[in-house]
């Protein structure tokens, strides 16, 4: 007997499982960050500053046109916003989300400016 599998249903189930895994990882990491906030805060400042500096360096390798200056502005603003959040002692969840945003943006700009 031959059975037919609905491919779209399998794809939706796999996508749901992946999203659930990602959100579980996010929640576990957030819980760890909140419990050890005092130790992670200096590491976050150092790490995101390094990623931001590397992103600015790769942006500068492509010249100093308007697009590159705008990219630098975005990287510097996100890094500064994260530093301000940490120094003003905002909620750990906000700092954690800004950290993800800042690092992801820096990595994205490093990759984009490497490929160009």
C-alpha atoms as a PDB file:
ATOM      1  CA  UNK A   1       0.000   0.000   0.000  1.00  0.00           C
ATOM      2  CA  UNK A   2       1.374   3.400  -0.972  1.00  0.00           C
ATOM      3  CA  UNK A   3       0.741   6.336   1.311  1.00  0.00           C
ATOM      4  CA  UNK A   4       0.925   9.949   0.197  1.00  0.00           C
ATOM      5  CA  UNK A   5       2.596  12.442   2.518  1.00  0.00           C
ATOM      6  CA  UNK A   6       1.471  16.034   2.393  1.00  0.00           C
ATOM      7  CA  UNK A   7       4.760  17.892   1.847  1.00  0.00           C
ATOM      8  CA  UNK A   8       3.418  21.275   2.948  1.00  0.00           C
ATOM      9  CA  UNK A   9       2.270  19.811   6.257  1.00  0.00           C
ATOM     10  CA  UNK A  10       5.686  18.256   6.882  1.00  0.00           C
ATOM     11  CA  UNK A  11       7.374  21.569   6.034  1.00  0.00           C
ATOM     12  CA  UNK A  12       5.105  23.460   8.435  1.00  0.00           C
ATOM     13  CA  UNK A  13       5.806  20.978  11.228  1.00  0.00           C
ATOM     14  CA  UNK A  14       9.576  21.211  10.641  1.00  0.00           C
ATOM     15  CA  UNK A  15       9.408  25.011  10.607  1.00  0.00           C
ATOM     16  CA  UNK A  16       7.385  24.999  13.827  1.00  0.00           C
ATOM     17  CA  UNK A  17       9.951  22.708  15.466  1.00  0.00           C
ATOM     18  CA  UNK A  18      12.841  24.960  14.388  1.00  0.00           C
ATOM     19  CA  UNK A  19      11.099  28.077  15.697  1.00  0.00           C
ATOM     20  CA  UNK A  20      10.383  26.297  18.983  1.00  0.00           C
ATOM     21  CA  UNK A  21      14.049  25.266  19.289  1.00  0.00           C
ATOM     22  CA  UNK A  22      15.232  28.825  18.596  1.00  0.00           C
ATOM     23  CA  UNK A  23      12.835  30.322  21.144  1.00  0.00           C
ATOM     24  CA  UNK A  24      13.850  27.729  23.736  1.00  0.00           C
ATOM     25  CA  UNK A  25      17.518  28.587  23.156  1.00  0.00           C
ATOM     26  CA  UNK A  26      16.672  32.304  23.414  1.00  0.00           C
ATOM     27  CA  UNK A  27      14.794  31.811  26.703  1.00  0.00           C
ATOM     28  CA  UNK A  28      17.533  29.677  28.262  1.00  0.00           C
ATOM     29  CA  UNK A  29      20.219  32.156  27.252  1.00  0.00           C
ATOM     30  CA  UNK A  30      18.137  35.082  28.514  1.00  0.00           C
ATOM     31  CA  UNK A  31      17.610  33.340  31.861  1.00  0.00           C
ATOM     32  CA  UNK A  32      21.351  32.725  32.175  1.00  0.00           C
ATOM     33  CA  UNK A  33      22.069  36.356  31.238  1.00  0.00           C
ATOM     34  CA  UNK A  34      19.608  37.636  33.840  1.00  0.00           C
ATOM     35  CA  UNK A  35      21.041  35.448  36.596  1.00  0.00           C
ATOM     36  CA  UNK A  36      24.660  36.429  35.847  1.00  0.00           C
ATOM     37  CA  UNK A  37      24.041  39.994  34.669  1.00  0.00           C
ATOM     38  CA  UNK A  38      26.900  41.525  36.683  1.00  0.00           C
ATOM     39  CA  UNK A  39      29.435  39.249  34.997  1.00  0.00           C
ATOM     40  CA  UNK A  40      27.995  39.446  31.495  1.00  0.00           C
ATOM     41  CA  UNK A  41      27.638  43.249  31.322  1.00  0.00           C
ATOM     42  CA  UNK A  42      31.392  43.981  30.990  1.00  0.00           C
ATOM     43  CA  UNK A  43      31.794  41.111  28.529  1.00  0.00           C
ATOM     44  CA  UNK A  44      28.964  42.493  26.415  1.00  0.00           C
ATOM     45  CA  UNK A  45      30.560  45.954  26.329  1.00  0.00           C
ATOM     46  CA  UNK A  46      33.924  44.535  25.269  1.00  0.00           C
ATOM     47  CA  UNK A  47      32.471  42.097  22.739  1.00  0.00           C
ATOM     48  CA  UNK A  48      30.081  44.455  21.002  1.00  0.00           C
ATOM     49  CA  UNK A  49      32.773  47.158  20.892  1.00  0.00           C
ATOM     50  CA  UNK A  50      35.079  44.738  19.090  1.00  0.00           C
ATOM     51  CA  UNK A  51      32.360  43.701  16.628  1.00  0.00           C
ATOM     52  CA  UNK A  52      31.426  47.352  16.049  1.00  0.00           C
ATOM     53  CA  UNK A  53      35.051  48.360  15.469  1.00  0.00           C
ATOM     54  CA  UNK A  54      35.540  45.496  13.020  1.00  0.00           C
ATOM     55  CA  UNK A  55      32.351  46.469  11.170  1.00  0.00           C
ATOM     56  CA  UNK A  56      33.514  50.085  10.873  1.00  0.00           C
ATOM     57  CA  UNK A  57      36.904  48.897   9.611  1.00  0.00           C
ATOM     58  CA  UNK A  58      35.311  46.794   6.871  1.00  0.00           C
ATOM     59  CA  UNK A  59      32.965  49.635   5.937  1.00  0.00           C
ATOM     60  CA  UNK A  60      35.933  52.011   5.627  1.00  0.00           C
ATOM     61  CA  UNK A  61      37.741  49.615   3.292  1.00  0.00           C
ATOM     62  CA  UNK A  62      35.118  50.385   0.637  1.00  0.00           C
ATOM     63  CA  UNK A  63      35.677  54.154   0.713  1.00  0.00           C
ATOM     64  CA  UNK A  64      34.045  57.087   2.453  1.00  0.00           C
ATOM     65  CA  UNK A  65      30.976  57.743   0.331  1.00  0.00           C
ATOM     66  CA  UNK A  66      27.507  58.539   1.632  1.00  0.00           C
ATOM     67  CA  UNK A  67      26.530  54.866   1.841  1.00  0.00           C
ATOM     68  CA  UNK A  68      29.620  54.001   3.878  1.00  0.00           C
ATOM     69  CA  UNK A  69      29.083  56.955   6.212  1.00  0.00           C
ATOM     70  CA  UNK A  70      25.460  55.895   6.722  1.00  0.00           C
ATOM     71  CA  UNK A  71      26.580  52.344   7.515  1.00  0.00           C
ATOM     72  CA  UNK A  72      29.077  53.719  10.022  1.00  0.00           C
ATOM     73  CA  UNK A  73      26.366  55.865  11.587  1.00  0.00           C
ATOM     74  CA  UNK A  74      24.093  52.841  12.048  1.00  0.00           C
ATOM     75  CA  UNK A  75      26.861  50.706  13.605  1.00  0.00           C
ATOM     76  CA  UNK A  76      28.020  53.474  15.936  1.00  0.00           C
ATOM     77  CA  UNK A  77      24.463  54.300  17.034  1.00  0.00           C
ATOM     78  CA  UNK A  78      23.605  50.687  17.838  1.00  0.00           C
ATOM     79  CA  UNK A  79      26.826  50.222  19.818  1.00  0.00           C
ATOM     80  CA  UNK A  80      26.247  53.492  21.680  1.00  0.00           C
ATOM     81  CA  UNK A  81      22.635  52.587  22.443  1.00  0.00           C
ATOM     82  CA  UNK A  82      23.762  49.299  23.951  1.00  0.00           C
ATOM     83  CA  UNK A  83      26.415  51.024  26.058  1.00  0.00           C
ATOM     84  CA  UNK A  84      23.852  53.581  27.252  1.00  0.00           C
ATOM     85  CA  UNK A  85      21.424  50.793  28.186  1.00  0.00           C
ATOM     86  CA  UNK A  86      24.087  49.042  30.230  1.00  0.00           C
ATOM     87  CA  UNK A  87      25.330  52.195  31.947  1.00  0.00           C
ATOM     88  CA  UNK A  88      21.827  53.413  32.769  1.00  0.00           C
ATOM     89  CA  UNK A  89      20.997  49.987  34.250  1.00  0.00           C
ATOM     90  CA  UNK A  90      18.027  49.147  32.063  1.00  0.00           C
ATOM     91  CA  UNK A  91      16.206  45.834  32.340  1.00  0.00           C
ATOM     92  CA  UNK A  92      18.413  42.824  31.514  1.00  0.00           C
ATOM     93  CA  UNK A  93      15.986  41.656  28.814  1.00  0.00           C
ATOM     94  CA  UNK A  94      16.294  45.001  26.995  1.00  0.00           C
ATOM     95  CA  UNK A  95      20.080  44.842  27.215  1.00  0.00           C
ATOM     96  CA  UNK A  96      20.067  41.239  25.983  1.00  0.00           C
ATOM     97  CA  UNK A  97      17.880  42.145  22.987  1.00  0.00           C
ATOM     98  CA  UNK A  98      20.050  45.175  22.153  1.00  0.00           C
ATOM     99  CA  UNK A  99      23.106  42.923  22.343  1.00  0.00           C
ATOM    100  CA  UNK A 100      21.632  40.514  19.825  1.00  0.00           C
ATOM    101  CA  UNK A 101      20.641  43.389  17.544  1.00  0.00           C
ATOM    102  CA  UNK A 102      24.037  45.112  17.761  1.00  0.00           C
ATOM    103  CA  UNK A 103      26.090  41.979  17.163  1.00  0.00           C
ATOM    104  CA  UNK A 104      23.825  40.773  14.340  1.00  0.00           C
ATOM    105  CA  UNK A 105      23.984  44.159  12.615  1.00  0.00           C
ATOM    106  CA  UNK A 106      27.768  44.331  12.953  1.00  0.00           C
ATOM    107  CA  UNK A 107      28.197  40.816  11.558  1.00  0.00           C
ATOM    108  CA  UNK A 108      25.785  41.592   8.708  1.00  0.00           C
ATOM    109  CA  UNK A 109      27.735  44.704   7.722  1.00  0.00           C
ATOM    110  CA  UNK A 110      31.052  42.838   7.982  1.00  0.00           C
ATOM    111  CA  UNK A 111      29.755  40.142   5.634  1.00  0.00           C
ATOM    112  CA  UNK A 112      28.186  42.628   3.207  1.00  0.00           C
ATOM    113  CA  UNK A 113      31.293  44.792   3.001  1.00  0.00           C
ATOM    114  CA  UNK A 114      33.537  41.754   2.604  1.00  0.00           C
ATOM    115  CA  UNK A 115      31.513  40.516  -0.362  1.00  0.00           C
ATOM    116  CA  UNK A 116      31.366  43.900  -2.101  1.00  0.00           C
END
